[in-house]
Amino acid sequence: MRLLKPWTSRCSESDLSPEQKELRQLKTVRPIKAALSSATSSPFDDPVISKFIDMMMQDGHKVLARGIMTQTLETIKTQALENCKPIIGLASIQKGRKFYQVPVPLTDNRKRFLAMKWMITECRDNKHRRTHMYEKLSQELLAAFSNEGNVVKRKHDLHKMAEANRAYAHYRWW
């Protein structure tokens, strides 16, 4: 079995017309064009954001302006997730025949996992059926950025429960 190169077709050379033969020859020697300088692989590529970047640009430093905009949007996203991360959690520990909800500190991975999980489940459980998931998620991120919303409320509820059960903190080592 003969492997084909990406620029070759399955038909043989004799089946091609003279124009197709010439086009095939050009494809093998024609250089590949570089991407435009305005093209970006950023997930924030949007005409409105591009216009904002152009207006923010000074002295032709578009790369700097684009970096500032990307960093700004990343900061908003990370700050929103940071506001959702719980500091302390509850672990169910059995002592005798009773189970106690004991406050335990959470690892960084667990904090991040809970924040993301709460954010996604809140958006999925949101009763607005006509609202798209991306709209719910963006509303929840904006609310979390300003320390509001159901996910931040859920974090505060967990902290209140941990505060209420702090009398059982000594069971953590059992």
Protein backbone atom coordinates (compact mmCIF):
# COMPACT_ATOMS: atom_id res chain seq x y z
CA MET A 1 0.00 0.00 0.00
CA ARG A 2 1.35 3.39 -0.99
CA LEU A 3 0.99 6.24 1.49
CA LEU A 4 -0.25 9.50 0.02
CA LYS A 5 1.18 12.88 0.85
CA PRO A 6 -1.43 15.45 1.93
CA TRP A 7 -1.06 17.48 -1.28
CA THR A 8 -1.55 14.52 -3.63
CA SER A 9 -4.88 13.21 -4.83
CA ARG A 10 -5.93 9.62 -5.31
CA CYS A 11 -6.23 9.75 -9.11
CA SER A 12 -3.25 8.93 -11.29
CA GLU A 13 -1.24 11.42 -13.31
CA SER A 14 -2.66 10.21 -16.62
CA ASP A 15 -6.28 10.94 -15.55
CA LEU A 16 -5.59 14.64 -14.98
CA SER A 17 -6.18 17.46 -17.43
CA PRO A 18 -3.26 19.79 -18.29
CA GLU A 19 -4.65 22.51 -15.96
CA GLN A 20 -4.92 20.04 -13.08
CA LYS A 21 -1.36 18.84 -13.73
CA GLU A 22 -0.11 22.42 -13.62
CA LEU A 23 -2.06 23.12 -10.42
CA ARG A 24 -0.64 19.98 -8.81
CA GLN A 25 2.89 21.08 -9.79
CA LEU A 26 2.30 24.55 -8.28
CA LYS A 27 1.03 23.05 -5.01
CA THR A 28 4.31 21.21 -4.51
CA VAL A 29 6.50 24.31 -4.91
CA ARG A 30 4.25 27.19 -3.78
CA PRO A 31 5.28 28.57 -0.37
CA ILE A 32 2.74 28.55 2.45
CA LYS A 33 1.57 32.03 3.39
CA ALA A 34 2.21 33.21 6.89
CA ALA A 35 -0.72 34.23 9.07
CA LEU A 36 -1.63 37.90 9.20
CA SER A 37 -0.29 39.87 12.13
CA SER A 38 -3.85 40.69 13.16
CA ALA A 39 -4.74 36.98 13.38
CA THR A 40 -4.51 35.54 16.84
CA SER A 41 -5.07 32.17 18.45
CA SER A 42 -6.39 33.83 21.58
CA PRO A 43 -9.71 32.54 22.92
CA PHE A 44 -10.70 36.19 23.34
CA ASP A 45 -10.60 36.88 19.58
CA ASP A 46 -13.66 39.01 18.96
CA PRO A 47 -14.26 42.03 16.69
CA VAL A 48 -15.39 44.19 19.62
CA ILE A 49 -12.35 43.23 21.68
CA SER A 50 -10.14 43.83 18.63
CA LYS A 51 -11.61 47.33 18.30
CA PHE A 52 -11.04 47.90 22.03
CA ILE A 53 -7.43 46.75 21.60
CA ASP A 54 -6.99 49.11 18.64
CA MET A 55 -8.31 52.01 20.69
CA MET A 56 -6.09 51.08 23.63
CA MET A 57 -2.99 50.80 21.43
CA GLN A 58 -0.43 53.61 21.63
CA ASP A 59 2.40 54.28 19.18
CA GLY A 60 1.60 51.13 17.19
CA HIS A 61 2.27 48.69 20.04
CA LYS A 62 -0.59 46.32 19.21
CA VAL A 63 1.08 43.25 20.69
CA LEU A 64 1.41 45.06 24.01
CA ALA A 65 -2.23 46.20 23.91
CA ARG A 66 -3.41 42.68 23.05
CA GLY A 67 -1.33 41.27 25.92
CA ILE A 68 -2.86 43.77 28.34
CA MET A 69 -6.38 42.85 27.20
CA THR A 70 -5.73 39.10 27.43
CA GLN A 71 -4.19 39.52 30.87
CA THR A 72 -7.18 41.60 31.99
CA LEU A 73 -9.70 38.97 30.92
CA GLU A 74 -7.60 36.19 32.47
CA THR A 75 -7.43 38.16 35.73
CA ILE A 76 -11.22 38.54 35.81
CA LYS A 77 -11.65 34.81 35.27
CA THR A 78 -9.09 33.76 37.89
CA GLN A 79 -10.37 36.31 40.43
CA ALA A 80 -13.93 35.03 39.96
CA LEU A 81 -12.77 31.46 40.60
CA GLU A 82 -10.65 32.62 43.54
CA ASN A 83 -13.74 34.20 45.13
CA CYS A 84 -15.56 30.85 44.85
CA LYS A 85 -12.86 28.70 46.46
CA PRO A 86 -13.67 27.47 49.95
CA ILE A 87 -10.91 27.59 52.55
CA ILE A 88 -12.19 24.89 54.86
CA GLY A 89 -14.42 21.90 54.25
CA LEU A 90 -16.29 19.29 56.22
CA ALA A 91 -15.34 15.63 56.55
CA SER A 92 -17.67 13.01 57.96
CA ILE A 93 -15.86 11.13 60.77
CA GLN A 94 -17.37 8.31 62.80
CA LYS A 95 -16.74 8.35 66.53
CA GLY A 96 -18.53 5.56 68.34
CA ARG A 97 -21.89 5.14 66.64
CA LYS A 98 -22.21 8.80 65.63
CA PHE A 99 -20.97 10.59 62.56
CA TYR A 100 -19.58 14.09 63.07
CA GLN A 101 -19.09 16.76 60.44
CA VAL A 102 -15.53 17.80 61.25
CA PRO A 103 -13.99 20.94 59.71
CA VAL A 104 -10.81 20.14 57.77
CA PRO A 105 -8.52 22.38 55.70
CA LEU A 106 -8.71 21.78 51.95
CA THR A 107 -5.82 21.31 49.55
CA ASP A 108 -5.40 23.73 46.63
CA ASN A 109 -6.55 21.11 44.13
CA ARG A 110 -9.68 20.38 46.16
CA LYS A 111 -10.45 24.10 46.51
CA ARG A 112 -10.17 24.61 42.76
CA PHE A 113 -12.20 21.46 42.03
CA LEU A 114 -15.04 22.51 44.35
CA ALA A 115 -15.14 26.04 42.93
CA MET A 116 -15.35 24.78 39.35
CA LYS A 117 -17.83 22.04 40.23
CA TRP A 118 -20.12 24.45 42.07
CA MET A 119 -19.92 26.92 39.19
CA ILE A 120 -20.87 24.30 36.60
CA THR A 121 -23.62 22.66 38.66
CA GLU A 122 -25.11 26.06 39.48
CA CYS A 123 -25.27 26.89 35.79
CA ARG A 124 -26.76 23.49 34.92
CA ASP A 125 -29.30 23.56 37.74
CA ASN A 126 -30.36 27.10 36.93
CA LYS A 127 -34.04 26.89 36.03
CA HIS A 128 -33.92 29.28 33.08
CA ARG A 129 -34.34 26.77 30.26
CA ARG A 130 -34.27 29.40 27.52
CA THR A 131 -30.90 30.77 28.64
CA HIS A 132 -27.85 29.21 27.02
CA MET A 133 -25.13 27.64 29.15
CA TYR A 134 -22.52 30.21 28.09
CA GLU A 135 -24.84 33.03 29.21
CA LYS A 136 -25.45 31.39 32.58
CA LEU A 137 -21.73 30.77 33.06
CA SER A 138 -20.81 34.33 32.14
CA GLN A 139 -23.44 35.72 34.54
CA GLU A 140 -22.19 33.45 37.30
CA LEU A 141 -18.54 34.46 36.66
CA LEU A 142 -19.44 38.15 36.77
CA ALA A 143 -21.40 37.64 39.98
CA ALA A 144 -18.50 35.69 41.50
CA PHE A 145 -16.05 38.40 40.46
CA SER A 146 -18.01 40.90 42.54
CA ASN A 147 -18.34 38.42 45.46
CA GLU A 148 -22.03 37.82 44.81
CA GLY A 149 -24.06 35.00 43.35
CA ASN A 150 -25.13 31.53 44.36
CA VAL A 151 -21.66 29.95 44.21
CA VAL A 152 -20.19 32.49 46.63
CA LYS A 153 -23.27 32.01 48.84
CA ARG A 154 -22.62 28.27 48.80
CA LYS A 155 -19.02 28.87 49.87
CA HIS A 156 -20.17 31.08 52.75
CA ASP A 157 -22.73 28.45 53.81
CA LEU A 158 -19.98 25.82 53.92
CA HIS A 159 -17.83 28.14 56.05
CA LYS A 160 -20.78 28.77 58.42
CA MET A 161 -21.31 25.02 58.83
CA ALA A 162 -17.60 24.56 59.52
CA GLU A 163 -17.75 27.37 62.07
CA ALA A 164 -20.79 25.79 63.73
CA ASN A 165 -19.03 22.39 63.93
CA ARG A 166 -15.68 23.66 65.12
CA ALA A 167 -16.29 22.00 68.48
CA TYR A 168 -15.64 18.69 66.71
CA ALA A 169 -12.31 19.84 65.26
CA HIS A 170 -10.39 17.67 67.72
CA TYR A 171 -11.86 14.56 66.04
CA ARG A 172 -9.85 15.36 62.94
CA TRP A 173 -6.88 13.36 64.23
CA TRP A 174 -8.88 10.22 65.05
